[in-house]
Amino acid sequence: MRKFIKFSAFAVLASLLFSSCGNEPVVIEDNISDSTSVNINEEPIVKVYSKYKFPSPLEIFIVLKDEGVKFNSSVINDLEKASTYTTTDRLAIGMGIYSADLSYCSMYEKSQLTMNYFAVNKSIADKLGLSSGFNKDLMDRIDKNINNADSLIKLTSNSYNQAVAFLEEQGQTKILPYIIFGEWIESAYITVNSTKKFSSDDIGVNIISEQSLLFENIYDYFNKANIKESNEALYNDVQDLYELYIELYNNEDEDITETQFNNIKAKITEIRNNWI
């Protein structure tokens, strides 16, 4: 049987997957009838129309930074690629990918990169009609807080949360699976490329192992949203990675073997490069 949560920092990730009462998944209604304004100074709760609640990549990057993993600019998506995303699916995936990159840059206090990635997120959000999360007022506030790491993290994280909340309030949830996929695959890609050599004690290895819990939620979410019908290629990629993660549950003495990690790393890299 696999062991879960080796590092105390993983409690942050695990707690977001389950409700505070037992291990029942968080139940969220498909349609949100009441519309509440989101205060940028508060911590908004991102609700997902499926029965699961997904943590943002920010939690992963908190763990990586706390464990001393250095920032690596080579693993984030090229800003110039944003102009190549023209379909709704690719724009939504791109928004998720760039949102993960934005979180990564802000967590590591890369001020100029944070502004650049915020700008590209705003550009994509405009094309998707989600400008409420990336308005000029917020950009001005980010500019004023460019040297305040805590405020920067909060502001950039909340911009994504506001955009998702807007989608749900308007009942426009069809693109949410694509955004969530983009965020997850980019954060996973950054994580596997933060691991230079396999070790059962490596923080990146353990994060990827523990992602089996989250990826099951994403896979279930894709099935509920009938992604196979609208984008079979993307669904097949998710299916392939899901099957690799399922193998981890057969382990008896270790969470993840070197072969399993390398297979998952290769698949994450392949999928990410298919959709950037």
Protein backbone atom coordinates (compact mmCIF):
# COMPACT_ATOMS: atom_id res chain seq x y z
CA MET A 1 0.00 0.00 0.00
CA ARG A 2 1.27 3.45 -0.85
CA LYS A 3 2.19 5.88 1.90
CA PHE A 4 0.84 9.42 1.56
CA ILE A 5 2.23 12.76 2.72
CA LYS A 6 5.88 12.20 3.54
CA PHE A 7 6.64 15.86 4.05
CA SER A 8 4.68 18.00 6.47
CA ALA A 9 4.38 20.64 3.76
CA PHE A 10 2.17 18.28 1.79
CA ALA A 11 -0.59 18.87 4.32
CA VAL A 12 -1.24 22.11 2.44
CA LEU A 13 -1.93 20.18 -0.75
CA ALA A 14 -3.88 17.33 0.80
CA SER A 15 -6.15 19.56 2.84
CA LEU A 16 -7.41 21.23 -0.32
CA LEU A 17 -8.50 17.94 -1.84
CA PHE A 18 -10.91 17.01 0.91
CA SER A 19 -13.43 18.71 3.14
CA SER A 20 -12.63 19.36 6.75
CA CYS A 21 -15.01 16.61 7.88
CA GLY A 22 -13.54 13.25 6.97
CA ASN A 23 -12.36 12.33 3.47
CA GLU A 24 -15.51 13.09 1.53
CA PRO A 25 -14.90 15.16 -1.61
CA VAL A 26 -16.09 18.73 -1.53
CA VAL A 27 -19.51 18.94 -3.15
CA ILE A 28 -20.14 21.96 -5.33
CA GLU A 29 -23.35 22.60 -7.23
CA ASP A 30 -23.14 22.67 -11.02
CA ASN A 31 -24.71 26.10 -11.29
CA ILE A 32 -24.02 28.91 -8.88
CA SER A 33 -27.17 30.95 -8.54
CA ASP A 34 -25.94 33.72 -6.29
CA SER A 35 -23.34 36.18 -7.55
CA THR A 36 -21.01 37.62 -4.96
CA SER A 37 -18.47 40.34 -5.53
CA VAL A 38 -14.85 39.40 -5.01
CA ASN A 39 -12.67 41.70 -2.95
CA ILE A 40 -9.08 41.61 -4.16
CA ASN A 41 -7.93 41.99 -0.55
CA GLU A 42 -9.70 38.83 0.55
CA GLU A 43 -8.89 35.19 -0.15
CA PRO A 44 -11.60 34.13 -2.61
CA ILE A 45 -12.74 30.52 -2.73
CA VAL A 46 -12.52 29.12 -6.24
CA LYS A 47 -15.47 26.81 -6.78
CA VAL A 48 -15.40 24.25 -9.55
CA TYR A 49 -18.68 23.02 -10.99
CA SER A 50 -17.69 19.38 -10.56
CA LYS A 51 -17.82 17.73 -7.14
CA TYR A 52 -14.12 18.43 -6.55
CA LYS A 53 -12.20 21.50 -5.50
CA PHE A 54 -8.80 21.93 -7.13
CA PRO A 55 -5.86 23.63 -5.42
CA SER A 56 -3.92 26.13 -7.49
CA PRO A 57 -0.27 25.59 -8.52
CA LEU A 58 0.66 28.21 -5.93
CA GLU A 59 0.55 25.54 -3.21
CA ILE A 60 3.06 23.42 -5.15
CA PHE A 61 5.40 26.36 -5.63
CA ILE A 62 5.18 27.23 -1.93
CA VAL A 63 6.45 23.73 -1.13
CA LEU A 64 9.21 23.86 -3.76
CA LYS A 65 10.47 27.23 -2.56
CA ASP A 66 10.29 26.24 1.11
CA GLU A 67 12.38 23.16 0.34
CA GLY A 68 15.08 25.29 -1.28
CA VAL A 69 14.35 24.52 -4.94
CA LYS A 70 15.77 27.32 -7.10
CA PHE A 71 13.83 29.28 -9.71
CA ASN A 72 14.38 28.06 -13.28
CA SER A 73 13.34 30.46 -16.03
CA SER A 74 13.88 27.83 -18.75
CA VAL A 75 10.83 25.81 -17.69
CA ILE A 76 8.18 28.50 -18.11
CA ASN A 77 6.27 28.96 -21.35
CA ASP A 78 7.60 31.42 -23.90
CA LEU A 79 5.56 34.64 -23.85
CA GLU A 80 5.66 34.82 -27.65
CA LYS A 81 3.65 31.61 -27.98
CA ALA A 82 0.53 33.35 -26.74
CA SER A 83 -0.01 34.84 -30.20
CA THR A 84 -0.26 31.33 -31.69
CA TYR A 85 -3.31 30.37 -29.61
CA THR A 86 -6.37 31.06 -31.73
CA THR A 87 -9.05 28.49 -30.83
CA THR A 88 -11.05 28.65 -27.61
CA ASP A 89 -9.57 25.35 -26.38
CA ARG A 90 -5.99 26.49 -26.95
CA LEU A 91 -6.65 29.90 -25.45
CA ALA A 92 -8.15 28.33 -22.32
CA ILE A 93 -5.25 25.86 -21.98
CA GLY A 94 -2.85 28.74 -22.57
CA MET A 95 -4.53 30.76 -19.85
CA GLY A 96 -4.05 27.87 -17.44
CA ILE A 97 -0.41 27.43 -18.45
CA TYR A 98 0.41 31.12 -18.18
CA SER A 99 -1.48 31.36 -14.88
CA ALA A 100 0.80 28.66 -13.47
CA ASP A 101 3.83 30.53 -14.80
CA LEU A 102 2.50 33.73 -13.26
CA SER A 103 2.16 32.02 -9.87
CA TYR A 104 5.65 30.58 -10.21
CA CYS A 105 7.22 33.96 -11.01
CA SER A 106 5.36 35.80 -8.26
CA MET A 107 6.19 33.13 -5.65
CA TYR A 108 9.88 33.50 -6.45
CA GLU A 109 9.63 37.30 -6.40
CA LYS A 110 10.58 37.77 -10.06
CA SER A 111 9.02 41.20 -10.40
CA GLN A 112 9.48 41.95 -14.09
CA LEU A 113 8.58 38.42 -15.18
CA THR A 114 5.49 38.62 -12.99
CA MET A 115 4.38 41.77 -14.81
CA ASN A 116 5.11 40.18 -18.19
CA TYR A 117 3.15 37.04 -17.41
CA PHE A 118 0.30 39.04 -15.94
CA ALA A 119 0.13 41.01 -19.18
CA VAL A 120 -0.03 37.88 -21.33
CA ASN A 121 -2.71 36.42 -19.05
CA LYS A 122 -4.72 39.61 -19.46
CA SER A 123 -4.37 39.39 -23.23
CA ILE A 124 -5.72 35.84 -23.28
CA ALA A 125 -8.44 36.69 -20.75
CA ASP A 126 -9.59 39.54 -23.00
CA LYS A 127 -9.94 37.12 -25.92
CA LEU A 128 -11.95 34.73 -23.74
CA GLY A 129 -14.14 37.50 -22.32
CA LEU A 130 -12.71 37.13 -18.82
CA SER A 131 -11.28 40.58 -18.31
CA SER A 132 -12.92 40.91 -14.88
CA GLY A 133 -10.01 39.04 -13.34
CA PHE A 134 -7.33 41.00 -15.17
CA ASN A 135 -8.54 44.59 -15.27
CA LYS A 136 -6.45 47.75 -15.45
CA ASP A 137 -7.01 48.55 -11.79
CA LEU A 138 -5.46 45.25 -10.79
CA MET A 139 -2.54 45.77 -13.17
CA ASP A 140 -1.93 49.18 -11.59
CA ARG A 141 -1.99 47.63 -8.12
CA ILE A 142 0.49 44.96 -9.18
CA ASP A 143 2.75 47.66 -10.60
CA LYS A 144 2.60 49.58 -7.29
CA ASN A 145 3.36 46.42 -5.30
CA ILE A 146 6.06 45.11 -7.63
CA ASN A 147 8.61 45.01 -4.80
CA ASN A 148 6.22 43.68 -2.16
CA ALA A 149 6.42 39.89 -2.49
CA ASP A 150 3.47 39.02 -0.24
CA SER A 151 1.12 41.49 -1.92
CA LEU A 152 2.31 40.42 -5.36
CA ILE A 153 1.56 36.76 -4.69
CA LYS A 154 -1.87 37.59 -3.34
CA LEU A 155 -2.80 39.91 -6.20
CA THR A 156 -1.66 37.59 -9.00
CA SER A 157 -3.31 34.56 -7.43
CA ASN A 158 -6.59 36.40 -6.95
CA SER A 159 -6.66 37.55 -10.58
CA TYR A 160 -7.01 33.94 -11.70
CA ASN A 161 -9.54 33.20 -8.95
CA GLN A 162 -11.68 36.14 -10.00
CA ALA A 163 -11.69 35.02 -13.63
CA VAL A 164 -12.81 31.50 -12.65
CA ALA A 165 -15.45 32.88 -10.28
CA PHE A 166 -16.76 35.06 -13.11
CA LEU A 167 -17.07 32.01 -15.38
CA GLU A 168 -19.06 30.12 -12.80
CA GLU A 169 -21.31 33.03 -11.91
CA GLN A 170 -22.15 33.44 -15.60
CA GLY A 171 -22.70 29.69 -16.06
CA GLN A 172 -19.89 29.56 -18.64
CA THR A 173 -18.09 26.50 -17.32
CA LYS A 174 -17.30 24.69 -20.57
CA ILE A 175 -13.77 26.08 -20.77
CA LEU A 176 -12.93 25.43 -17.10
CA PRO A 177 -11.56 21.91 -17.68
CA TYR A 178 -9.10 23.32 -20.21
CA ILE A 179 -7.94 26.07 -17.85
CA ILE A 180 -7.54 23.61 -14.97
CA PHE A 181 -5.65 21.18 -17.22
CA GLY A 182 -3.31 23.95 -18.38
CA GLU A 183 -2.55 25.03 -14.83
CA TRP A 184 -1.92 21.48 -13.66
CA ILE A 185 0.25 20.33 -16.57
CA GLU A 186 2.45 23.43 -16.36
CA SER A 187 2.92 23.16 -12.59
CA ALA A 188 3.71 19.44 -12.98
CA TYR A 189 6.15 20.20 -15.79
CA ILE A 190 7.93 22.80 -13.65
CA THR A 191 8.06 20.30 -10.79
CA VAL A 192 9.51 17.35 -12.74
CA ASN A 193 12.10 19.63 -14.27
CA SER A 194 13.11 20.80 -10.80
CA THR A 195 14.29 17.24 -10.13
CA LYS A 196 17.79 16.61 -11.46
CA LYS A 197 18.19 13.05 -10.21
CA PHE A 198 15.68 10.54 -8.87
CA SER A 199 15.62 10.06 -5.12
CA SER A 200 12.80 8.84 -2.90
CA ASP A 201 13.50 11.81 -0.62
CA ASP A 202 13.47 14.45 -3.37
CA ILE A 203 10.71 17.02 -2.90
CA GLY A 204 9.87 17.09 -6.62
CA VAL A 205 9.59 13.29 -6.77
CA ASN A 206 7.27 13.30 -3.78
CA ILE A 207 5.10 16.09 -5.16
CA ILE A 208 4.64 14.21 -8.44
CA SER A 209 3.83 11.02 -6.55
CA GLU A 210 1.23 12.78 -4.41
CA GLN A 211 -0.34 14.32 -7.52
CA SER A 212 -1.99 10.96 -8.19
CA LEU A 213 -4.78 12.10 -5.86
CA LEU A 214 -5.31 15.36 -7.71
CA PHE A 215 -4.99 13.88 -11.17
CA GLU A 216 -7.78 11.41 -10.43
CA ASN A 217 -9.97 14.45 -9.78
CA ILE A 218 -8.92 16.02 -13.08
CA TYR A 219 -9.58 12.76 -14.94
CA ASP A 220 -13.04 12.45 -13.35
CA TYR A 221 -13.68 16.10 -14.16
CA PHE A 222 -12.78 15.53 -17.82
CA ASN A 223 -15.19 12.61 -17.99
CA LYS A 224 -18.00 14.59 -16.41
CA ALA A 225 -17.39 17.48 -18.80
CA ASN A 226 -17.39 15.10 -21.83
CA ILE A 227 -14.04 16.40 -23.05
CA LYS A 228 -13.60 13.31 -25.21
CA GLU A 229 -16.42 14.52 -27.44
CA SER A 230 -15.08 18.05 -27.84
CA ASN A 231 -11.32 17.40 -27.86
CA GLU A 232 -10.40 13.73 -28.23
CA ALA A 233 -6.66 14.40 -28.57
CA LEU A 234 -6.51 16.19 -25.22
CA TYR A 235 -8.68 13.55 -23.57
CA ASN A 236 -6.38 10.79 -24.83
CA ASP A 237 -3.36 12.60 -23.38
CA VAL A 238 -5.08 12.84 -19.99
CA GLN A 239 -6.12 9.18 -20.23
CA ASP A 240 -2.53 8.08 -20.92
CA LEU A 241 -1.18 9.96 -17.91
CA TYR A 242 -4.03 8.71 -15.72
CA GLU A 243 -3.11 5.12 -16.54
CA LEU A 244 0.50 5.77 -15.47
CA TYR A 245 -0.69 7.25 -12.19
CA ILE A 246 -2.98 4.30 -11.49
CA GLU A 247 0.06 2.02 -11.51
CA LEU A 248 1.32 3.74 -8.36
CA TYR A 249 -1.48 2.19 -6.31
CA ASN A 250 0.02 -1.25 -6.85
CA ASN A 251 3.22 -0.29 -5.02
CA GLU A 252 3.79 -1.97 -1.68
CA ASP A 253 7.10 -0.68 -0.30
CA GLU A 254 7.52 2.69 -2.00
CA ASP A 255 5.38 5.53 -3.17
CA ILE A 256 6.90 5.68 -6.63
CA THR A 257 9.73 3.78 -8.31
CA GLU A 258 12.39 5.41 -10.45
CA THR A 259 10.92 3.79 -13.58
CA GLN A 260 7.44 5.03 -12.71
CA PHE A 261 8.71 8.54 -12.05
CA ASN A 262 10.64 8.64 -15.31
CA ASN A 263 7.60 7.38 -17.24
CA ILE A 264 5.35 10.00 -15.64
CA LYS A 265 7.95 12.73 -16.18
CA ALA A 266 8.29 11.79 -19.86
CA LYS A 267 4.51 11.77 -20.33
CA ILE A 268 4.03 15.11 -18.54
CA THR A 269 6.73 16.63 -20.73
CA GLU A 270 5.23 15.18 -23.90
CA ILE A 271 1.72 16.34 -23.08
CA ARG A 272 2.84 19.79 -22.00
CA ASN A 273 4.83 20.26 -25.19
CA ASN A 274 1.85 19.08 -27.23
CA TRP A 275 -0.30 21.92 -25.91
CA ILE A 276 1.94 24.93 -25.31
